[in-house]
Amino acid sequence: MYNDSIETLLLRHHGPNSTVPEGLEQRLCASIQRQAEATRQQQSQIRRLSEQRISRRRVVQLVALSSAGLGLLSSGIASIEGILNSQEGQQPAYS
């Protein structure tokens, strides 16, 4: 989008004989303020997360939990494959 003024955009979209919508400036200002506040909150969350230190104990816990979860997942997949393979051998070739 080009860096056009509000008046230029309104003229281009609605034509030269249209009226300016009621409360347009107030709505635009409110929208800009909401967006600025959301950006400030997001930046403060990012700053807080980047400054937060993680202990070695917590890192070890996270690694242990993730490896245990992967182990459970792989054993579950292996058992499902075993069940499916055993059922495939019992089915007739033509039904």
N, C-alpha and C. Protein backbone atom coordinates (compact mmCIF):
# COMPACT_ATOMS: atom_id res chain seq x y z
N MET A 1 0.84 -1.17 0.00
CA MET A 1 0.00 0.00 0.00
C MET A 1 0.89 1.23 0.00
N TYR A 2 0.46 2.19 -0.74
CA TYR A 2 1.21 3.42 -0.83
C TYR A 2 0.98 4.26 0.42
N ASN A 3 1.79 5.26 0.62
CA ASN A 3 1.67 6.14 1.77
C ASN A 3 0.75 7.31 1.42
N ASP A 4 -0.52 6.99 1.15
CA ASP A 4 -1.51 8.01 0.78
C ASP A 4 -2.18 8.56 2.03
N SER A 5 -2.70 9.76 1.91
CA SER A 5 -3.44 10.35 3.02
C SER A 5 -4.82 9.72 3.09
N ILE A 6 -5.51 9.93 4.19
CA ILE A 6 -6.86 9.40 4.37
C ILE A 6 -7.80 9.99 3.33
N GLU A 7 -7.64 11.27 3.07
CA GLU A 7 -8.51 11.93 2.09
C GLU A 7 -8.33 11.32 0.70
N THR A 8 -7.10 11.04 0.32
CA THR A 8 -6.82 10.45 -0.99
C THR A 8 -7.45 9.06 -1.08
N LEU A 9 -7.31 8.29 -0.03
CA LEU A 9 -7.89 6.95 -0.03
C LEU A 9 -9.41 7.00 -0.11
N LEU A 10 -10.03 7.93 0.63
CA LEU A 10 -11.49 8.06 0.58
C LEU A 10 -11.96 8.48 -0.80
N LEU A 11 -11.25 9.43 -1.41
CA LEU A 11 -11.61 9.87 -2.75
C LEU A 11 -11.49 8.74 -3.76
N ARG A 12 -10.42 7.98 -3.66
CA ARG A 12 -10.19 6.89 -4.59
C ARG A 12 -11.25 5.80 -4.42
N HIS A 13 -11.66 5.54 -3.20
CA HIS A 13 -12.60 4.45 -2.94
C HIS A 13 -14.05 4.86 -3.12
N HIS A 14 -14.44 6.05 -2.66
CA HIS A 14 -15.84 6.45 -2.66
C HIS A 14 -16.17 7.52 -3.71
N GLY A 15 -15.20 8.16 -4.29
CA GLY A 15 -15.47 9.18 -5.28
C GLY A 15 -15.48 10.58 -4.67
N PRO A 16 -15.49 11.63 -5.54
CA PRO A 16 -15.36 13.00 -5.04
C PRO A 16 -16.63 13.53 -4.36
N ASN A 17 -17.78 12.94 -4.60
CA ASN A 17 -19.03 13.47 -4.06
C ASN A 17 -19.45 12.80 -2.75
N SER A 18 -18.67 11.88 -2.25
CA SER A 18 -19.07 11.17 -1.04
C SER A 18 -18.73 11.99 0.21
N THR A 19 -19.45 11.70 1.27
CA THR A 19 -19.19 12.38 2.53
C THR A 19 -18.27 11.53 3.38
N VAL A 20 -17.60 12.19 4.30
CA VAL A 20 -16.70 11.48 5.22
C VAL A 20 -17.56 10.75 6.24
N PRO A 21 -17.31 9.47 6.47
CA PRO A 21 -18.10 8.74 7.45
C PRO A 21 -18.01 9.39 8.83
N GLU A 22 -19.11 9.28 9.58
CA GLU A 22 -19.19 9.91 10.89
C GLU A 22 -18.23 9.22 11.86
N GLY A 23 -17.48 10.02 12.59
CA GLY A 23 -16.58 9.49 13.62
C GLY A 23 -15.37 8.76 13.06
N LEU A 24 -15.04 9.01 11.82
CA LEU A 24 -13.92 8.30 11.19
C LEU A 24 -12.61 8.60 11.90
N GLU A 25 -12.35 9.87 12.16
CA GLU A 25 -11.10 10.24 12.80
C GLU A 25 -10.98 9.64 14.19
N GLN A 26 -12.07 9.63 14.95
CA GLN A 26 -12.03 9.05 16.29
C GLN A 26 -11.78 7.53 16.22
N ARG A 27 -12.44 6.88 15.27
CA ARG A 27 -12.24 5.43 15.13
C ARG A 27 -10.81 5.11 14.72
N LEU A 28 -10.25 5.92 13.81
CA LEU A 28 -8.87 5.69 13.38
C LEU A 28 -7.89 5.91 14.53
N CYS A 29 -8.12 6.99 15.30
CA CYS A 29 -7.24 7.26 16.45
C CYS A 29 -7.32 6.14 17.48
N ALA A 30 -8.54 5.66 17.75
CA ALA A 30 -8.71 4.58 18.71
C ALA A 30 -8.05 3.29 18.21
N SER A 31 -8.18 3.04 16.93
CA SER A 31 -7.56 1.85 16.36
C SER A 31 -6.04 1.92 16.46
N ILE A 32 -5.49 3.08 16.17
CA ILE A 32 -4.03 3.25 16.26
C ILE A 32 -3.56 3.10 17.69
N GLN A 33 -4.32 3.64 18.65
CA GLN A 33 -3.94 3.50 20.05
C GLN A 33 -4.01 2.05 20.51
N ARG A 34 -5.05 1.32 20.08
CA ARG A 34 -5.14 -0.10 20.44
C ARG A 34 -3.99 -0.89 19.86
N GLN A 35 -3.65 -0.59 18.62
CA GLN A 35 -2.54 -1.29 17.98
C GLN A 35 -1.22 -0.97 18.66
N ALA A 36 -1.02 0.27 19.04
CA ALA A 36 0.21 0.66 19.73
C ALA A 36 0.30 -0.03 21.10
N GLU A 37 -0.81 -0.12 21.81
CA GLU A 37 -0.83 -0.79 23.11
C GLU A 37 -0.53 -2.28 22.95
N ALA A 38 -1.11 -2.91 21.93
CA ALA A 38 -0.84 -4.33 21.68
C ALA A 38 0.63 -4.55 21.35
N THR A 39 1.20 -3.64 20.58
CA THR A 39 2.62 -3.75 20.24
C THR A 39 3.49 -3.58 21.48
N ARG A 40 3.13 -2.62 22.33
CA ARG A 40 3.89 -2.43 23.58
C ARG A 40 3.82 -3.67 24.47
N GLN A 41 2.64 -4.25 24.60
CA GLN A 41 2.50 -5.46 25.41
C GLN A 41 3.32 -6.62 24.84
N GLN A 42 3.28 -6.76 23.54
CA GLN A 42 4.03 -7.84 22.90
C GLN A 42 5.53 -7.64 23.10
N GLN A 43 5.99 -6.41 22.96
CA GLN A 43 7.42 -6.14 23.16
C GLN A 43 7.83 -6.37 24.60
N SER A 44 6.97 -6.02 25.56
CA SER A 44 7.32 -6.25 26.96
C SER A 44 7.35 -7.74 27.26
N GLN A 45 6.45 -8.53 26.67
CA GLN A 45 6.48 -9.98 26.86
C GLN A 45 7.75 -10.58 26.26
N ILE A 46 8.12 -10.11 25.09
CA ILE A 46 9.35 -10.61 24.45
C ILE A 46 10.56 -10.25 25.29
N ARG A 47 10.60 -9.02 25.77
CA ARG A 47 11.73 -8.59 26.61
C ARG A 47 11.79 -9.41 27.90
N ARG A 48 10.64 -9.65 28.52
CA ARG A 48 10.61 -10.41 29.76
C ARG A 48 11.07 -11.85 29.53
N LEU A 49 10.62 -12.46 28.42
CA LEU A 49 11.03 -13.82 28.13
C LEU A 49 12.51 -13.91 27.78
N SER A 50 13.02 -12.91 27.08
CA SER A 50 14.44 -12.96 26.71
C SER A 50 15.35 -12.71 27.91
N GLU A 51 14.85 -11.97 28.90
CA GLU A 51 15.66 -11.71 30.10
C GLU A 51 15.53 -12.79 31.15
N GLN A 52 14.53 -13.64 31.02
CA GLN A 52 14.30 -14.68 32.01
C GLN A 52 15.36 -15.77 31.88
N ARG A 53 15.97 -16.08 32.99
CA ARG A 53 17.01 -17.10 32.99
C ARG A 53 16.38 -18.46 33.26
N ILE A 54 16.96 -19.47 32.65
CA ILE A 54 16.50 -20.84 32.85
C ILE A 54 17.63 -21.61 33.54
N SER A 55 17.31 -22.25 34.63
CA SER A 55 18.34 -22.98 35.37
C SER A 55 18.71 -24.28 34.65
N ARG A 56 19.87 -24.79 34.96
CA ARG A 56 20.31 -26.04 34.34
C ARG A 56 19.40 -27.19 34.75
N ARG A 57 18.92 -27.13 35.99
CA ARG A 57 18.03 -28.18 36.47
C ARG A 57 16.75 -28.21 35.63
N ARG A 58 16.21 -27.04 35.33
CA ARG A 58 15.00 -26.97 34.53
C ARG A 58 15.24 -27.47 33.11
N VAL A 59 16.40 -27.17 32.54
CA VAL A 59 16.73 -27.65 31.20
C VAL A 59 16.82 -29.17 31.20
N VAL A 60 17.45 -29.74 32.23
CA VAL A 60 17.57 -31.19 32.32
C VAL A 60 16.17 -31.81 32.46
N GLN A 61 15.31 -31.19 33.26
CA GLN A 61 13.95 -31.70 33.41
C GLN A 61 13.20 -31.68 32.08
N LEU A 62 13.33 -30.58 31.34
CA LEU A 62 12.65 -30.49 30.05
C LEU A 62 13.16 -31.53 29.06
N VAL A 63 14.47 -31.75 29.05
CA VAL A 63 15.04 -32.75 28.15
C VAL A 63 14.57 -34.14 28.55
N ALA A 64 14.54 -34.43 29.84
CA ALA A 64 14.11 -35.74 30.31
C ALA A 64 12.63 -35.98 29.97
N LEU A 65 11.81 -34.97 30.19
CA LEU A 65 10.38 -35.12 29.87
C LEU A 65 10.16 -35.31 28.38
N SER A 66 10.87 -34.56 27.57
CA SER A 66 10.67 -34.70 26.13
C SER A 66 11.17 -36.05 25.63
N SER A 67 12.29 -36.55 26.16
CA SER A 67 12.77 -37.86 25.72
C SER A 67 11.86 -38.97 26.22
N ALA A 68 11.29 -38.82 27.42
CA ALA A 68 10.34 -39.82 27.92
C ALA A 68 9.08 -39.81 27.06
N GLY A 69 8.62 -38.64 26.69
CA GLY A 69 7.45 -38.55 25.82
C GLY A 69 7.70 -39.18 24.47
N LEU A 70 8.88 -38.96 23.91
CA LEU A 70 9.21 -39.56 22.61
C LEU A 70 9.30 -41.08 22.74
N GLY A 71 9.84 -41.55 23.88
CA GLY A 71 9.91 -43.00 24.11
C GLY A 71 8.53 -43.62 24.18
N LEU A 72 7.61 -42.98 24.90
CA LEU A 72 6.23 -43.48 24.97
C LEU A 72 5.56 -43.46 23.61
N LEU A 73 5.80 -42.41 22.86
CA LEU A 73 5.22 -42.31 21.53
C LEU A 73 5.72 -43.42 20.62
N SER A 74 7.02 -43.68 20.63
CA SER A 74 7.57 -44.71 19.75
C SER A 74 7.10 -46.10 20.17
N SER A 75 6.97 -46.36 21.48
CA SER A 75 6.47 -47.67 21.90
C SER A 75 5.00 -47.83 21.53
N GLY A 76 4.22 -46.74 21.62
CA GLY A 76 2.82 -46.80 21.21
C GLY A 76 2.69 -47.09 19.73
N ILE A 77 3.51 -46.45 18.92
CA ILE A 77 3.48 -46.69 17.48
C ILE A 77 3.89 -48.11 17.16
N ALA A 78 4.89 -48.62 17.87
CA ALA A 78 5.34 -49.99 17.64
C ALA A 78 4.24 -50.99 18.00
N SER A 79 3.52 -50.75 19.09
CA SER A 79 2.45 -51.68 19.47
C SER A 79 1.30 -51.61 18.46
N ILE A 80 0.98 -50.43 17.96
CA ILE A 80 -0.07 -50.32 16.94
C ILE A 80 0.35 -51.03 15.66
N GLU A 81 1.60 -50.89 15.27
CA GLU A 81 2.09 -51.59 14.08
C GLU A 81 2.02 -53.09 14.28
N GLY A 82 2.35 -53.57 15.49
CA GLY A 82 2.26 -55.00 15.77
C GLY A 82 0.84 -55.50 15.67
N ILE A 83 -0.11 -54.73 16.19
CA ILE A 83 -1.51 -55.14 16.10
C ILE A 83 -1.97 -55.17 14.65
N LEU A 84 -1.61 -54.14 13.89
CA LEU A 84 -2.02 -54.10 12.48
C LEU A 84 -1.38 -55.21 11.67
N ASN A 85 -0.12 -55.52 11.94
CA ASN A 85 0.56 -56.58 11.19
C ASN A 85 -0.03 -57.94 11.52
N SER A 86 -0.42 -58.16 12.77
CA SER A 86 -0.99 -59.45 13.13
C SER A 86 -2.37 -59.61 12.50
N GLN A 87 -3.12 -58.56 12.35
CA GLN A 87 -4.44 -58.65 11.73
C GLN A 87 -4.34 -58.85 10.23
N GLU A 88 -3.32 -58.35 9.62
CA GLU A 88 -3.16 -58.49 8.17
C GLU A 88 -2.90 -59.94 7.78
N GLY A 89 -2.20 -60.70 8.64
CA GLY A 89 -1.89 -62.08 8.32
C GLY A 89 -3.11 -62.97 8.38
N GLN A 90 -4.16 -62.61 9.06
CA GLN A 90 -5.35 -63.45 9.24
C GLN A 90 -6.40 -63.20 8.17
N GLN A 91 -6.25 -62.21 7.36
CA GLN A 91 -7.27 -61.89 6.37
C GLN A 91 -7.04 -62.73 5.10
N PRO A 92 -8.14 -63.20 4.50
CA PRO A 92 -7.98 -63.98 3.24
C PRO A 92 -7.57 -63.03 2.09
N ALA A 93 -6.95 -63.63 1.08
CA ALA A 93 -6.47 -62.85 -0.05
C ALA A 93 -7.64 -62.29 -0.85
N TYR A 94 -8.70 -63.08 -1.05
CA TYR A 94 -9.88 -62.62 -1.78
C TYR A 94 -11.09 -62.82 -0.90
N SER A 95 -11.97 -61.83 -0.91
CA SER A 95 -13.17 -62.00 -0.09
C SER A 95 -14.41 -62.11 -0.92
